[in-house]
Amino acid sequence: MTGGFAAPGAAAPGRPGRSRRRGVVVSLLAQALGTWLAARRPGWFWPVQGLALIGGGLVAWGGGAGRTRPRRAALGRAAGVGAGWYAVIAGAARLVLATDRGRGMLADVERRRGSAPLGWRLAILPLAAAGEELVWRGQVLSACRDRLGPIRGGAVATLLGAGVQLLAANPLFPSAAAGWGAVAVGLSDREQGVWPAIAAHAVWSTLALGWPGLPGRARRA
């Protein structure tokens, strides 16, 4: 079971390598544009990011990512990893609150988080998590490893993910992307598929950006 990882050097089933590369480029451009635009229009955070992440995931799915059936036991373990990662970023948020700059960065996250009602957030977050993981662990990681091998390819894919989040204009986003990218690569390798990374991402992002949120946020849903 590969869970959306193409075998090294192989294109997605039924798709020429050139089409696969075009899909990766389109998905990355969509996510980069969505991240940049959402940083400049915080009130657009949810519609813009939702469209970019879900749209990119659909492109990745069309390219063959995530087409294998996930194992239930792996999804259960992944949910625990997602809850653990939420605990890590919540602990980091408490440390960040110790500085004025840190409080400002968390306030920016809260403005973006609170720009849509809770119900909309809870509906969008699992789909956005799936889209993001299908792109980064289903497409980009496979493409990087095809060219660079498993270790360097995994590192480059993780750094690319963090690099895109630099467009968010808030250091918390690339920091979280780098940390989560490393965890997600390890999780996907351990469980041999992209779906466990999707499950874990859905758990932690729902807790952090849906409910209950991060420490120090405004006391609202």
Protein backbone atom coordinates (compact mmCIF):
# COMPACT_ATOMS: atom_id res chain seq x y z
CA MET A 1 0.00 0.00 0.00
CA THR A 2 1.41 3.38 -0.98
CA GLY A 3 -1.51 5.59 0.04
CA GLY A 4 -0.87 8.11 -2.69
CA PHE A 5 2.96 7.90 -2.83
CA ALA A 6 4.11 7.10 -6.31
CA ALA A 7 6.88 4.55 -6.48
CA PRO A 8 10.28 6.20 -6.94
CA GLY A 9 10.67 7.37 -10.52
CA ALA A 10 7.09 6.48 -11.44
CA ALA A 11 4.38 8.81 -12.63
CA ALA A 12 0.86 8.49 -11.29
CA PRO A 13 -1.06 5.60 -12.87
CA GLY A 14 -2.35 6.45 -16.28
CA ARG A 15 -0.77 9.92 -16.31
CA PRO A 16 2.40 10.94 -18.19
CA GLY A 17 5.19 12.45 -16.13
CA ARG A 18 4.72 15.86 -17.76
CA SER A 19 1.08 16.02 -16.68
CA ARG A 20 2.07 15.06 -13.17
CA ARG A 21 4.63 17.87 -13.05
CA ARG A 22 2.08 20.35 -14.33
CA GLY A 23 -0.30 19.24 -11.59
CA VAL A 24 2.36 19.85 -8.93
CA VAL A 25 3.07 23.33 -10.30
CA VAL A 26 -0.63 24.25 -10.48
CA SER A 27 -1.24 23.03 -6.93
CA LEU A 28 1.75 24.92 -5.53
CA LEU A 29 0.81 28.13 -7.32
CA ALA A 30 -2.74 27.89 -5.99
CA GLN A 31 -1.53 27.45 -2.42
CA ALA A 32 1.08 30.21 -2.73
CA LEU A 33 -1.45 32.65 -4.18
CA GLY A 34 -4.03 31.76 -1.52
CA THR A 35 -1.49 32.24 1.29
CA TRP A 36 -0.33 35.60 -0.09
CA LEU A 37 -3.84 36.93 -0.66
CA ALA A 38 -5.14 35.79 2.74
CA ALA A 39 -2.25 37.61 4.45
CA ARG A 40 -3.26 40.86 2.81
CA ARG A 41 -6.99 40.43 3.31
CA PRO A 42 -7.44 38.64 6.67
CA GLY A 43 -11.20 38.77 6.28
CA TRP A 44 -10.85 36.62 3.18
CA PHE A 45 -8.76 34.00 5.00
CA TRP A 46 -11.33 31.21 4.96
CA PRO A 47 -12.77 31.52 1.44
CA VAL A 48 -9.37 32.12 -0.14
CA GLN A 49 -7.50 29.41 1.75
CA GLY A 50 -10.41 27.02 1.45
CA LEU A 51 -10.55 27.39 -2.33
CA ALA A 52 -6.76 27.20 -2.70
CA LEU A 53 -6.27 24.15 -0.48
CA ILE A 54 -9.31 22.19 -1.57
CA GLY A 55 -8.75 23.11 -5.22
CA GLY A 56 -5.12 22.07 -5.03
CA GLY A 57 -6.16 18.80 -3.42
CA LEU A 58 -8.58 18.09 -6.26
CA VAL A 59 -5.78 18.63 -8.77
CA ALA A 60 -3.56 16.26 -6.77
CA TRP A 61 -6.36 13.69 -6.59
CA GLY A 62 -6.78 13.95 -10.35
CA GLY A 63 -3.07 13.24 -10.67
CA GLY A 64 -3.41 10.00 -8.72
CA ALA A 65 -2.60 11.05 -5.14
CA GLY A 66 -4.44 9.34 -2.29
CA ARG A 67 -6.14 6.70 -4.39
CA THR A 68 -5.44 3.71 -2.12
CA ARG A 69 -7.65 2.64 0.76
CA PRO A 70 -6.42 3.74 4.21
CA ARG A 71 -6.16 1.26 7.09
CA ARG A 72 -8.44 1.97 10.04
CA ALA A 73 -5.77 1.24 12.62
CA ALA A 74 -3.41 3.67 10.90
CA LEU A 75 -6.07 6.39 10.92
CA GLY A 76 -6.67 5.85 14.64
CA ARG A 77 -2.97 6.20 15.41
CA ALA A 78 -2.80 9.27 13.20
CA ALA A 79 -5.64 10.94 15.10
CA GLY A 80 -3.55 10.55 18.25
CA VAL A 81 -0.56 12.11 16.47
CA GLY A 82 -2.77 15.04 15.45
CA ALA A 83 -3.93 15.57 19.04
CA GLY A 84 -0.31 15.40 20.19
CA TRP A 85 0.78 17.99 17.63
CA TYR A 86 -2.00 20.30 18.79
CA ALA A 87 -0.62 19.99 22.33
CA VAL A 88 2.83 20.92 21.02
CA ILE A 89 1.67 24.06 19.20
CA ALA A 90 -0.56 25.06 22.13
CA GLY A 91 2.47 24.81 24.40
CA ALA A 92 4.51 26.85 21.93
CA ALA A 93 1.76 29.47 21.86
CA ARG A 94 2.01 29.85 25.65
CA LEU A 95 5.73 30.55 25.27
CA VAL A 96 5.10 33.03 22.44
CA LEU A 97 2.67 34.94 24.67
CA ALA A 98 5.59 35.96 26.88
CA THR A 99 6.66 38.68 24.39
CA ASP A 100 4.85 41.65 22.90
CA ARG A 101 5.76 40.53 19.39
CA GLY A 102 4.51 37.04 20.12
CA ARG A 103 1.19 38.37 21.37
CA GLY A 104 0.87 40.38 18.18
CA MET A 105 1.52 37.31 16.02
CA LEU A 106 -1.07 35.27 17.93
CA ALA A 107 -3.56 38.15 17.64
CA ASP A 108 -3.04 38.03 13.87
CA VAL A 109 -3.76 34.29 13.85
CA GLU A 110 -6.90 34.94 15.88
CA ARG A 111 -8.10 37.63 13.46
CA ARG A 112 -7.84 35.17 10.61
CA ARG A 113 -9.34 32.34 12.61
CA GLY A 114 -12.29 34.42 13.78
CA SER A 115 -13.15 35.83 10.35
CA ALA A 116 -15.70 33.04 9.75
CA PRO A 117 -18.34 31.44 12.02
CA LEU A 118 -17.41 28.29 13.89
CA GLY A 119 -19.74 26.13 11.80
CA TRP A 120 -18.07 27.18 8.56
CA ARG A 121 -14.64 26.55 10.03
CA LEU A 122 -15.54 23.07 11.20
CA ALA A 123 -16.88 22.26 7.73
CA ILE A 124 -13.89 23.65 5.83
CA LEU A 125 -11.00 22.43 7.99
CA PRO A 126 -11.12 18.67 7.27
CA LEU A 127 -11.46 19.31 3.53
CA ALA A 128 -8.65 21.86 3.58
CA ALA A 129 -6.44 19.44 5.54
CA ALA A 130 -7.10 16.74 2.95
CA GLY A 131 -6.29 19.08 0.11
CA GLU A 132 -3.08 20.31 1.70
CA GLU A 133 -1.80 16.81 2.45
CA LEU A 134 -2.72 15.46 -0.99
CA VAL A 135 -0.57 18.22 -2.47
CA TRP A 136 2.39 18.16 -0.06
CA ARG A 137 2.62 14.50 0.97
CA GLY A 138 0.82 13.04 -2.06
CA GLN A 139 2.39 15.10 -4.86
CA VAL A 140 5.31 17.27 -3.81
CA LEU A 141 6.99 14.72 -1.54
CA SER A 142 6.85 12.04 -4.22
CA ALA A 143 8.21 14.42 -6.86
CA CYS A 144 11.08 15.54 -4.62
CA ARG A 145 11.99 12.00 -3.70
CA ASP A 146 11.94 10.91 -7.34
CA ARG A 147 14.70 13.44 -8.02
CA LEU A 148 16.60 13.62 -4.73
CA GLY A 149 16.05 10.34 -2.90
CA PRO A 150 14.06 9.66 0.27
CA ILE A 151 15.97 11.73 2.84
CA ARG A 152 16.91 14.80 0.83
CA GLY A 153 13.60 14.71 -0.99
CA GLY A 154 11.71 14.66 2.30
CA ALA A 155 13.76 17.57 3.63
CA VAL A 156 13.29 19.65 0.48
CA ALA A 157 9.54 19.01 0.41
CA THR A 158 9.27 20.10 4.04
CA LEU A 159 11.29 23.27 3.41
CA LEU A 160 9.19 24.09 0.35
CA GLY A 161 6.06 23.88 2.48
CA ALA A 162 7.57 26.24 5.04
CA GLY A 163 8.75 28.53 2.27
CA VAL A 164 5.25 28.95 0.87
CA GLN A 165 4.05 29.94 4.34
CA LEU A 166 6.54 32.81 4.42
CA LEU A 167 3.95 34.53 2.22
CA ALA A 168 1.61 34.51 5.23
CA ALA A 169 3.64 37.42 6.65
CA ASN A 170 3.56 35.91 10.16
CA PRO A 171 6.52 33.82 11.44
CA LEU A 172 4.17 31.43 13.23
CA PHE A 173 2.89 30.01 9.94
CA PRO A 174 6.22 28.91 8.40
CA SER A 175 7.41 27.68 11.81
CA ALA A 176 4.32 25.49 12.19
CA ALA A 177 4.59 24.34 8.57
CA ALA A 178 8.21 23.25 9.02
CA GLY A 179 7.47 21.35 12.22
CA TRP A 180 4.31 19.74 10.95
CA GLY A 181 5.91 18.92 7.59
CA ALA A 182 8.62 16.90 9.32
CA VAL A 183 6.03 15.07 11.44
CA ALA A 184 3.80 14.40 8.44
CA VAL A 185 6.65 12.99 6.35
CA GLY A 186 7.58 10.62 9.17
CA LEU A 187 3.95 9.65 9.72
CA SER A 188 3.35 9.00 6.04
CA ASP A 189 6.49 6.89 5.81
CA ARG A 190 5.62 4.90 8.91
CA GLU A 191 2.06 4.21 7.81
CA GLN A 192 2.92 3.99 4.10
CA GLY A 193 0.27 6.37 2.87
CA VAL A 194 -0.99 9.92 2.74
CA TRP A 195 -4.32 9.29 4.49
CA PRO A 196 -2.88 9.06 8.01
CA ALA A 197 -1.28 12.48 7.47
CA ILE A 198 -4.67 13.77 6.33
CA ALA A 199 -6.36 12.40 9.46
CA ALA A 200 -3.74 13.87 11.80
CA HIS A 201 -3.81 17.24 10.03
CA ALA A 202 -7.60 17.36 10.23
CA VAL A 203 -7.47 16.73 13.98
CA TRP A 204 -4.87 19.33 14.93
CA SER A 205 -6.10 22.04 12.57
CA THR A 206 -9.68 21.61 13.78
CA LEU A 207 -8.52 21.96 17.38
CA ALA A 208 -6.24 24.93 16.66
CA LEU A 209 -8.36 26.90 14.18
CA GLY A 210 -11.82 25.54 14.92
CA TRP A 211 -12.40 24.79 18.60
CA PRO A 212 -11.04 25.26 21.25
CA GLY A 213 -8.34 27.34 19.55
CA LEU A 214 -4.92 28.38 20.84
CA PRO A 215 -4.01 29.83 24.25
CA GLY A 216 -4.32 33.59 24.55
CA ARG A 217 -7.02 33.93 21.90
CA ALA A 218 -10.00 36.18 22.31
CA ARG A 219 -12.72 34.41 24.21
CA ARG A 220 -15.11 33.82 21.37
CA ALA A 221 -16.12 30.82 19.25
